[in-house]
Amino acid sequence: MIPKRAVLLSLLAVLGAALPAHAELPVDEITVGKLAPAHPYRLYYTDVALPHLADGKLTVIDGRTLKVEGMVSTGMFAQTTLSPDRSEIYVVTTYYSKLNRGERIEEILVYDAKTLALKEEIPYAARHAQALPYRGTLRTSADGRFIIVQNATPATSVSIVNRQTGKQISEIQTPGCYIVYPAQTANRFSTLCGDGTMLTISLDNDGNPVGKKKSIKFFDPDEDALFVSAAQEGDNYHFVSYKGNAVTVNVGSEAAVPGTFWKLGNEADVKKGWRPGGYQPVALHQASGTLYVGMHPKGFEGSHKEGAREIWVYDLASKTRVSRTKTTPATGLAVSQGDAPRVFAFDSAKAGVAAFDGGRKLKPVGAAVGFGDTPTQLEVQ
């Protein structure tokens, strides 16, 4: 009797002889490709990734097709921004030596916006705000010389980092104030304060503070607080409030100068409880002076993070509403600039983006979900 093992080996030998020979496959080479040429509808979607905080990311999306163009890793509680010329992506982030514990290491990462390749790692003190990514937790000066970082330990301060040398120039204490609003025409920035004012810090050519000045008190944070996310237009920042009011603040002078508040809705809208909501509720198309605000009905104290159900469109010069459009739940808005603006409404819960064409009379043109876990910030090229 032939052992079963001998039969099996004989069968394998026969089969092996019958199979054709194959050449050894070449070793894969890992490369970094280039993005397609930049276009006005490129999106930068920052995801804090709450289910796995140590591994956040920034996804680059083609806003014309809503297809992913690329992605960069951003670490834990990363804050992101773009250089003024859109050639670089900046990320201030945290790493721990044992993933979620151990030695805390912070860096400012510099990515090439054309290839998404890492260009530089700038060491940074362990102070940056461990918070959801918002526009204004990381910004640059208007000329791009300085990277401006919002800190929270939890005491609030702002640090100025020289982009070329990679050296921190100064750390400026800003007690009770949060989010950075750089001026466009002067070497200074402002920050919104919990006492209803704005604090403006003027810098010298080296990035050192040479002046601090508070504005007048222009809003009541207990009665009607402002959303910290504002739409920038040069030295002007356009804010909306929890109860549905809007105000423009100019930050170009030594002290910020607020304008007059105006109402987003009429009496009927107020009775229905329409209020702004989300993480990034306001966007501006600068050339046409068109303001977009994400609004939700049946608002109440504490509903300011509620996703928008409609996008209200305003002529900023006359402060009048010109249209309103229904949207899938949206926790933030962004708009492309140029002759053919496209409005993007993003949903943090589904990591989705909906796109609208039409300028002042919006028309839905596409939507997609699944761009991450919990993205809370969207910037356009």
Protein backbone atom coordinates (compact mmCIF):
# COMPACT_ATOMS: atom_id res chain seq x y z
CA MET A 1 0.00 0.00 0.00
CA ILE A 2 1.41 3.40 -1.06
CA PRO A 3 1.35 5.98 1.73
CA LYS A 4 -1.02 8.92 1.19
CA ARG A 5 1.87 11.36 1.67
CA ALA A 6 3.78 9.77 -1.28
CA VAL A 7 0.66 9.98 -3.51
CA LEU A 8 0.21 13.68 -2.63
CA LEU A 9 3.83 14.53 -3.36
CA SER A 10 3.69 12.70 -6.70
CA LEU A 11 0.52 14.57 -7.66
CA LEU A 12 2.06 17.94 -6.78
CA ALA A 13 5.14 17.10 -8.85
CA VAL A 14 3.00 16.25 -11.90
CA LEU A 15 0.94 19.42 -11.55
CA GLY A 16 4.08 21.51 -11.10
CA ALA A 17 5.58 20.16 -14.27
CA ALA A 18 2.37 20.90 -16.18
CA LEU A 19 2.10 24.57 -15.08
CA PRO A 20 3.78 27.21 -17.28
CA ALA A 21 6.79 29.02 -15.85
CA HIS A 22 6.40 32.70 -14.89
CA ALA A 23 9.03 35.43 -14.80
CA GLU A 24 9.62 37.11 -11.46
CA LEU A 25 7.57 40.29 -11.09
CA PRO A 26 9.51 43.56 -10.80
CA VAL A 27 9.69 45.25 -7.42
CA ASP A 28 7.14 48.05 -7.03
CA GLU A 29 8.55 51.55 -6.72
CA ILE A 30 6.69 54.04 -4.52
CA THR A 31 6.54 57.49 -6.07
CA VAL A 32 4.73 60.78 -5.45
CA GLY A 33 2.74 61.98 -8.43
CA LYS A 34 1.80 65.54 -9.27
CA LEU A 35 -1.69 66.89 -8.99
CA ALA A 36 -3.45 68.15 -12.07
CA PRO A 37 -2.91 71.88 -12.70
CA ALA A 38 -4.52 74.06 -10.04
CA HIS A 39 -8.05 75.26 -10.75
CA PRO A 40 -10.48 77.54 -8.88
CA TYR A 41 -12.57 74.62 -7.61
CA ARG A 42 -9.90 72.65 -5.76
CA LEU A 43 -11.01 71.87 -2.18
CA TYR A 44 -8.95 71.25 0.94
CA TYR A 45 -11.03 69.29 3.45
CA THR A 46 -9.49 68.97 6.93
CA ASP A 47 -10.56 65.96 9.02
CA VAL A 48 -9.71 65.69 12.71
CA ALA A 49 -10.79 62.02 12.53
CA LEU A 50 -12.46 61.72 15.94
CA PRO A 51 -12.71 57.89 15.82
CA HIS A 52 -8.89 57.70 15.50
CA LEU A 53 -7.49 61.06 16.58
CA ALA A 54 -3.84 60.16 16.08
CA ASP A 55 -4.33 59.87 12.33
CA GLY A 56 -6.07 62.96 10.97
CA LYS A 57 -5.85 63.92 7.32
CA LEU A 58 -6.42 66.62 4.74
CA THR A 59 -8.17 65.49 1.56
CA VAL A 60 -7.75 67.37 -1.71
CA ILE A 61 -10.92 67.20 -3.82
CA ASP A 62 -11.76 68.34 -7.33
CA GLY A 63 -14.84 70.46 -6.75
CA ARG A 64 -15.92 70.03 -10.38
CA THR A 65 -16.25 66.26 -10.17
CA LEU A 66 -16.17 65.72 -6.39
CA LYS A 67 -13.41 63.16 -6.89
CA VAL A 68 -10.40 62.84 -4.59
CA GLU A 69 -7.21 64.31 -6.06
CA GLY A 70 -4.88 63.52 -3.17
CA MET A 71 -4.42 63.33 0.59
CA VAL A 72 -1.85 64.18 3.26
CA SER A 73 -1.55 62.83 6.79
CA THR A 74 -1.94 65.48 9.48
CA GLY A 75 -1.46 63.72 12.84
CA MET A 76 -3.42 64.56 15.99
CA PHE A 77 -5.67 67.63 16.35
CA ALA A 78 -3.99 69.22 13.36
CA GLN A 79 -4.81 72.74 12.23
CA THR A 80 -4.27 73.60 8.57
CA THR A 81 -4.01 76.57 6.22
CA LEU A 82 -2.66 77.49 2.79
CA SER A 83 0.05 79.95 1.85
CA PRO A 84 -1.29 83.15 0.27
CA ASP A 85 -0.13 82.03 -3.20
CA ARG A 86 -1.58 78.53 -2.65
CA SER A 87 1.79 76.88 -3.34
CA GLU A 88 2.16 75.36 0.13
CA ILE A 89 -0.04 73.65 2.72
CA TYR A 90 0.80 74.27 6.38
CA VAL A 91 -0.14 71.87 9.17
CA VAL A 92 0.55 72.38 12.87
CA THR A 93 0.15 69.04 14.61
CA THR A 94 0.90 66.84 17.59
CA TYR A 95 2.54 63.41 17.82
CA TYR A 96 3.09 61.27 20.90
CA SER A 97 6.03 58.90 21.25
CA LYS A 98 3.65 56.02 22.15
CA LEU A 99 0.89 57.00 19.72
CA ASN A 100 -1.62 58.32 22.26
CA ARG A 101 0.69 58.94 25.24
CA GLY A 102 4.30 59.55 26.09
CA GLU A 103 6.41 62.48 24.97
CA ARG A 104 4.42 65.18 23.16
CA ILE A 105 6.08 66.39 19.98
CA GLU A 106 4.75 69.25 17.87
CA GLU A 107 5.71 70.38 14.38
CA ILE A 108 4.62 72.65 11.60
CA LEU A 109 4.58 70.51 8.47
CA VAL A 110 5.08 72.17 5.09
CA TYR A 111 3.64 70.29 2.09
CA ASP A 112 4.13 71.16 -1.57
CA ALA A 113 0.62 71.89 -2.86
CA LYS A 114 1.54 70.66 -6.37
CA THR A 115 2.88 67.24 -5.38
CA LEU A 116 1.65 66.90 -1.76
CA ALA A 117 5.24 65.93 -0.91
CA LEU A 118 6.53 66.89 2.53
CA LYS A 119 8.99 69.78 2.11
CA GLU A 120 9.89 70.68 5.66
CA GLU A 121 9.28 69.89 9.33
CA ILE A 122 9.52 72.93 11.59
CA PRO A 123 9.82 72.13 15.33
CA TYR A 124 7.16 73.83 17.41
CA ALA A 125 6.56 74.20 21.15
CA ALA A 126 3.80 71.98 22.56
CA ARG A 127 1.20 74.72 22.74
CA HIS A 128 -1.02 74.69 19.68
CA ALA A 129 -4.77 74.42 20.29
CA GLN A 130 -5.92 70.81 20.63
CA ALA A 131 -9.24 71.63 19.02
CA LEU A 132 -11.44 71.00 16.02
CA PRO A 133 -9.91 72.55 12.89
CA TYR A 134 -11.43 75.97 12.18
CA ARG A 135 -10.40 78.68 9.76
CA GLY A 136 -8.30 80.93 11.98
CA THR A 137 -6.62 78.43 14.29
CA LEU A 138 -3.71 78.57 11.82
CA ARG A 139 -3.15 81.45 9.40
CA THR A 140 -0.35 83.35 7.69
CA SER A 141 0.43 87.02 7.38
CA ALA A 142 -0.85 88.59 4.17
CA ASP A 143 2.60 88.47 2.56
CA GLY A 144 3.25 84.88 3.69
CA ARG A 145 6.36 85.73 5.71
CA PHE A 146 4.90 84.57 9.00
CA ILE A 147 2.88 81.54 10.07
CA ILE A 148 0.50 82.52 12.87
CA VAL A 149 -0.51 79.77 15.31
CA GLN A 150 -3.39 79.78 17.79
CA ASN A 151 -2.24 78.26 21.11
CA ALA A 152 -4.28 76.94 24.04
CA THR A 153 -2.71 75.36 27.11
CA PRO A 154 -5.62 76.11 28.00
CA ALA A 155 -4.41 79.72 28.40
CA THR A 156 -4.68 81.39 25.01
CA SER A 157 -1.76 82.89 23.14
CA VAL A 158 -0.63 83.34 19.54
CA SER A 159 2.83 82.47 18.19
CA ILE A 160 4.58 84.01 15.20
CA VAL A 161 6.87 81.71 13.19
CA ASN A 162 9.16 82.91 10.40
CA ARG A 163 8.37 80.75 7.36
CA GLN A 164 11.82 81.09 5.78
CA THR A 165 14.00 80.50 8.84
CA GLY A 166 11.61 78.12 10.60
CA LYS A 167 12.20 80.00 13.87
CA GLN A 168 9.54 81.07 16.33
CA ILE A 169 9.82 84.85 16.65
CA SER A 170 7.42 85.55 19.49
CA GLU A 171 4.59 84.23 21.63
CA ILE A 172 1.93 86.81 22.41
CA GLN A 173 -0.45 86.35 25.31
CA THR A 174 -4.10 86.86 24.34
CA PRO A 175 -6.08 86.01 27.50
CA GLY A 176 -9.75 85.38 26.82
CA CYS A 177 -9.35 85.79 23.05
CA TYR A 178 -9.36 83.12 20.33
CA ILE A 179 -9.00 82.71 16.52
CA VAL A 180 -6.63 84.69 14.30
CA TYR A 181 -7.86 87.31 11.81
CA PRO A 182 -4.87 88.70 9.87
CA ALA A 183 -5.10 92.11 8.21
CA GLN A 184 -4.46 92.35 4.48
CA THR A 185 -2.94 95.82 4.26
CA ALA A 186 -0.93 95.97 7.48
CA ASN A 187 1.40 93.74 9.49
CA ARG A 188 -1.08 92.96 12.25
CA PHE A 189 -3.81 90.54 13.25
CA SER A 190 -6.86 90.59 15.50
CA THR A 191 -8.51 88.01 17.71
CA LEU A 192 -12.07 87.73 19.05
CA CYS A 193 -12.50 88.13 22.81
CA GLY A 194 -15.01 86.76 25.27
CA ASP A 195 -15.83 90.22 26.64
CA GLY A 196 -17.42 91.34 23.37
CA THR A 197 -14.36 93.08 21.92
CA MET A 198 -11.52 92.33 19.51
CA LEU A 199 -7.84 92.57 20.41
CA THR A 200 -5.47 93.77 17.67
CA ILE A 201 -1.73 93.06 17.79
CA SER A 202 0.60 95.08 15.54
CA LEU A 203 3.92 93.51 14.52
CA ASP A 204 7.25 94.94 13.38
CA ASN A 205 9.01 93.71 10.26
CA ASP A 206 10.63 90.89 12.23
CA GLY A 207 7.35 89.61 13.65
CA ASN A 208 7.70 91.02 17.15
CA PRO A 209 4.67 92.67 18.79
CA VAL A 210 4.86 96.45 18.93
CA GLY A 211 1.33 97.27 19.99
CA LYS A 212 -1.86 95.85 21.49
CA LYS A 213 -5.19 97.60 21.39
CA LYS A 214 -8.74 96.56 22.20
CA SER A 215 -11.76 97.62 20.18
CA ILE A 216 -14.90 98.99 21.74
CA LYS A 217 -17.33 96.38 23.02
CA PHE A 218 -19.60 95.71 20.04
CA PHE A 219 -21.45 92.47 20.87
CA ASP A 220 -22.88 90.77 23.94
CA PRO A 221 -21.45 87.23 24.21
CA ASP A 222 -24.16 86.23 26.68
CA GLU A 223 -27.09 87.59 24.68
CA ASP A 224 -25.98 86.99 21.09
CA ALA A 225 -22.50 85.56 20.58
CA LEU A 226 -20.64 85.66 17.26
CA PHE A 227 -19.51 82.59 15.35
CA VAL A 228 -15.72 82.69 15.29
CA SER A 229 -15.61 81.60 11.64
CA ALA A 230 -15.90 84.70 9.47
CA ALA A 231 -15.65 85.45 5.75
CA GLN A 232 -12.61 87.58 4.90
CA GLU A 233 -12.58 90.41 2.37
CA GLY A 234 -9.24 92.21 2.61
CA ASP A 235 -9.16 93.91 6.00
CA ASN A 236 -12.87 93.24 6.54
CA TYR A 237 -14.27 90.15 8.24
CA HIS A 238 -17.97 89.37 7.93
CA PHE A 239 -19.44 87.68 11.01
CA VAL A 240 -22.85 86.21 11.80
CA SER A 241 -24.31 85.74 15.27
CA TYR A 242 -26.13 82.89 16.98
CA LYS A 243 -29.49 84.69 16.77
CA GLY A 244 -29.26 85.67 13.13
CA ASN A 245 -27.54 89.03 12.95
CA ALA A 246 -24.53 90.04 10.85
CA VAL A 247 -21.70 92.55 11.31
CA THR A 248 -18.53 93.52 9.46
CA VAL A 249 -15.34 94.31 11.38
CA ASN A 250 -12.33 96.08 9.84
CA VAL A 251 -9.01 94.92 11.31
CA GLY A 252 -6.66 97.14 9.31
CA SER A 253 -6.13 99.78 11.99
CA GLU A 254 -4.42 99.67 15.40
CA ALA A 255 -7.80 98.77 16.88
CA ALA A 256 -10.53 96.81 15.11
CA VAL A 257 -13.47 98.92 13.94
CA PRO A 258 -16.90 97.21 13.94
CA GLY A 259 -19.70 98.24 11.64
CA THR A 260 -23.44 98.27 12.29
CA PHE A 261 -25.33 95.03 12.89
CA TRP A 262 -28.05 94.03 10.43
CA LYS A 263 -30.64 91.23 10.49
CA LEU A 264 -30.40 88.16 8.29
CA GLY A 265 -34.14 87.45 8.41
CA ASN A 266 -37.46 89.23 8.70
CA GLU A 267 -40.03 88.94 11.49
CA ALA A 268 -41.59 85.83 9.97
CA ASP A 269 -38.17 84.15 9.82
CA VAL A 270 -37.49 85.02 13.45
CA LYS A 271 -40.84 83.51 14.51
CA LYS A 272 -39.89 80.27 12.73
CA GLY A 273 -36.60 80.23 14.58
CA TRP A 274 -34.28 80.53 11.57
CA ARG A 275 -30.70 80.91 12.77
CA PRO A 276 -27.18 80.32 11.44
CA GLY A 277 -25.56 77.04 12.41
CA GLY A 278 -22.54 74.83 11.98
CA TYR A 279 -18.77 75.23 12.17
CA GLN A 280 -18.27 77.47 9.13
CA PRO A 281 -21.63 79.14 8.48
CA VAL A 282 -20.65 82.06 6.25
CA ALA A 283 -18.84 82.49 2.92
CA LEU A 284 -18.31 85.41 0.53
CA HIS A 285 -17.83 85.73 -3.23
CA GLN A 286 -15.76 88.89 -3.20
CA ALA A 287 -16.07 90.19 -6.76
CA SER A 288 -19.87 90.15 -6.75
CA GLY A 289 -20.30 91.04 -3.07
CA THR A 290 -22.45 87.95 -2.53
CA LEU A 291 -22.69 86.57 0.99
CA TYR A 292 -23.83 83.00 1.74
CA VAL A 293 -25.11 81.92 5.17
CA GLY A 294 -26.11 78.42 6.29
CA MET A 295 -29.41 78.59 8.22
CA HIS A 296 -31.52 76.10 10.20
CA PRO A 297 -35.13 76.45 11.47
CA LYS A 298 -36.50 76.07 14.99
CA GLY A 299 -33.28 77.36 16.49
CA PHE A 300 -32.81 77.68 20.23
CA GLU A 301 -30.13 78.41 22.78
CA GLY A 302 -27.51 75.77 22.08
CA SER A 303 -28.51 74.95 18.48
CA HIS A 304 -25.66 76.96 16.94
CA LYS A 305 -23.86 73.78 15.82
CA GLU A 306 -26.98 72.48 14.09
CA GLY A 307 -26.41 71.83 10.41
CA ALA A 308 -27.95 74.21 7.88
CA ARG A 309 -31.10 73.23 6.00
CA GLU A 310 -31.01 76.21 3.67
CA ILE A 311 -28.42 78.53 2.16
CA TRP A 312 -29.50 82.16 2.27
CA VAL A 313 -27.91 84.45 -0.32
CA TYR A 314 -27.40 88.19 0.24
CA ASP A 315 -26.31 91.25 -1.67
CA LEU A 316 -23.76 92.50 0.83
CA ALA A 317 -23.82 96.13 -0.32
CA SER A 318 -27.57 96.53 0.24
CA LYS A 319 -27.72 93.93 3.03
CA THR A 320 -30.74 92.29 1.42
CA ARG A 321 -31.54 88.62 0.88
CA VAL A 322 -31.85 87.75 -2.81
CA SER A 323 -32.57 84.01 -2.64
CA ARG A 324 -32.72 80.92 -0.46
CA THR A 325 -31.95 77.34 -1.44
CA LYS A 326 -32.56 74.05 0.34
CA THR A 327 -29.51 71.93 1.08
CA THR A 328 -28.69 68.58 2.59
CA PRO A 329 -27.59 69.10 6.23
CA ALA A 330 -24.50 71.31 6.06
CA THR A 331 -22.14 72.21 8.88
CA GLY A 332 -20.19 74.67 6.74
CA LEU A 333 -19.99 76.67 3.52
CA ALA A 334 -17.21 77.72 1.17
CA VAL A 335 -17.28 79.41 -2.23
CA SER A 336 -14.85 79.57 -5.14
CA GLN A 337 -13.77 82.95 -6.46
CA GLY A 338 -13.66 84.02 -10.13
CA ASP A 339 -16.28 84.50 -12.84
CA ALA A 340 -18.22 81.27 -12.30
CA PRO A 341 -18.51 80.78 -8.54
CA ARG A 342 -19.46 77.43 -7.08
CA VAL A 343 -20.77 77.12 -3.52
CA PHE A 344 -19.80 74.06 -1.49
CA ALA A 345 -21.80 72.91 1.52
CA PHE A 346 -20.07 70.30 3.67
CA ASP A 347 -21.50 67.85 6.18
CA SER A 348 -19.21 66.77 9.03
CA ALA A 349 -21.45 63.85 10.05
CA LYS A 350 -21.27 62.11 6.66
CA ALA A 351 -17.97 63.66 5.54
CA GLY A 352 -19.85 64.87 2.48
CA VAL A 353 -19.77 67.81 0.09
CA ALA A 354 -22.66 69.22 -1.97
CA ALA A 355 -21.96 71.62 -4.84
CA PHE A 356 -24.13 74.45 -6.18
CA ASP A 357 -23.77 76.64 -9.26
CA GLY A 358 -25.47 79.88 -10.11
CA GLY A 359 -23.94 82.70 -8.05
CA ARG A 360 -27.05 84.27 -6.52
CA LYS A 361 -29.64 81.69 -7.62
CA LEU A 362 -28.11 78.42 -6.55
CA LYS A 363 -28.60 75.21 -8.49
CA PRO A 364 -27.43 71.86 -7.05
CA VAL A 365 -24.95 70.21 -9.41
CA GLY A 366 -23.51 67.31 -7.41
CA ALA A 367 -22.92 65.68 -4.06
CA ALA A 368 -20.69 62.99 -2.60
CA VAL A 369 -20.01 61.54 0.85
CA GLY A 370 -17.32 59.49 2.55
CA PHE A 371 -14.37 61.89 2.41
CA GLY A 372 -13.23 60.88 5.89
CA ASP A 373 -14.64 60.68 9.41
CA THR A 374 -15.35 64.10 10.95
CA PRO A 375 -14.08 66.95 8.73
CA THR A 376 -14.83 70.42 10.10
CA GLN A 377 -12.98 72.82 7.80
CA LEU A 378 -13.17 73.41 4.04
CA GLU A 379 -11.00 75.80 2.05
CA VAL A 380 -11.12 76.53 -1.68
CA GLN A 381 -8.10 77.09 -3.93
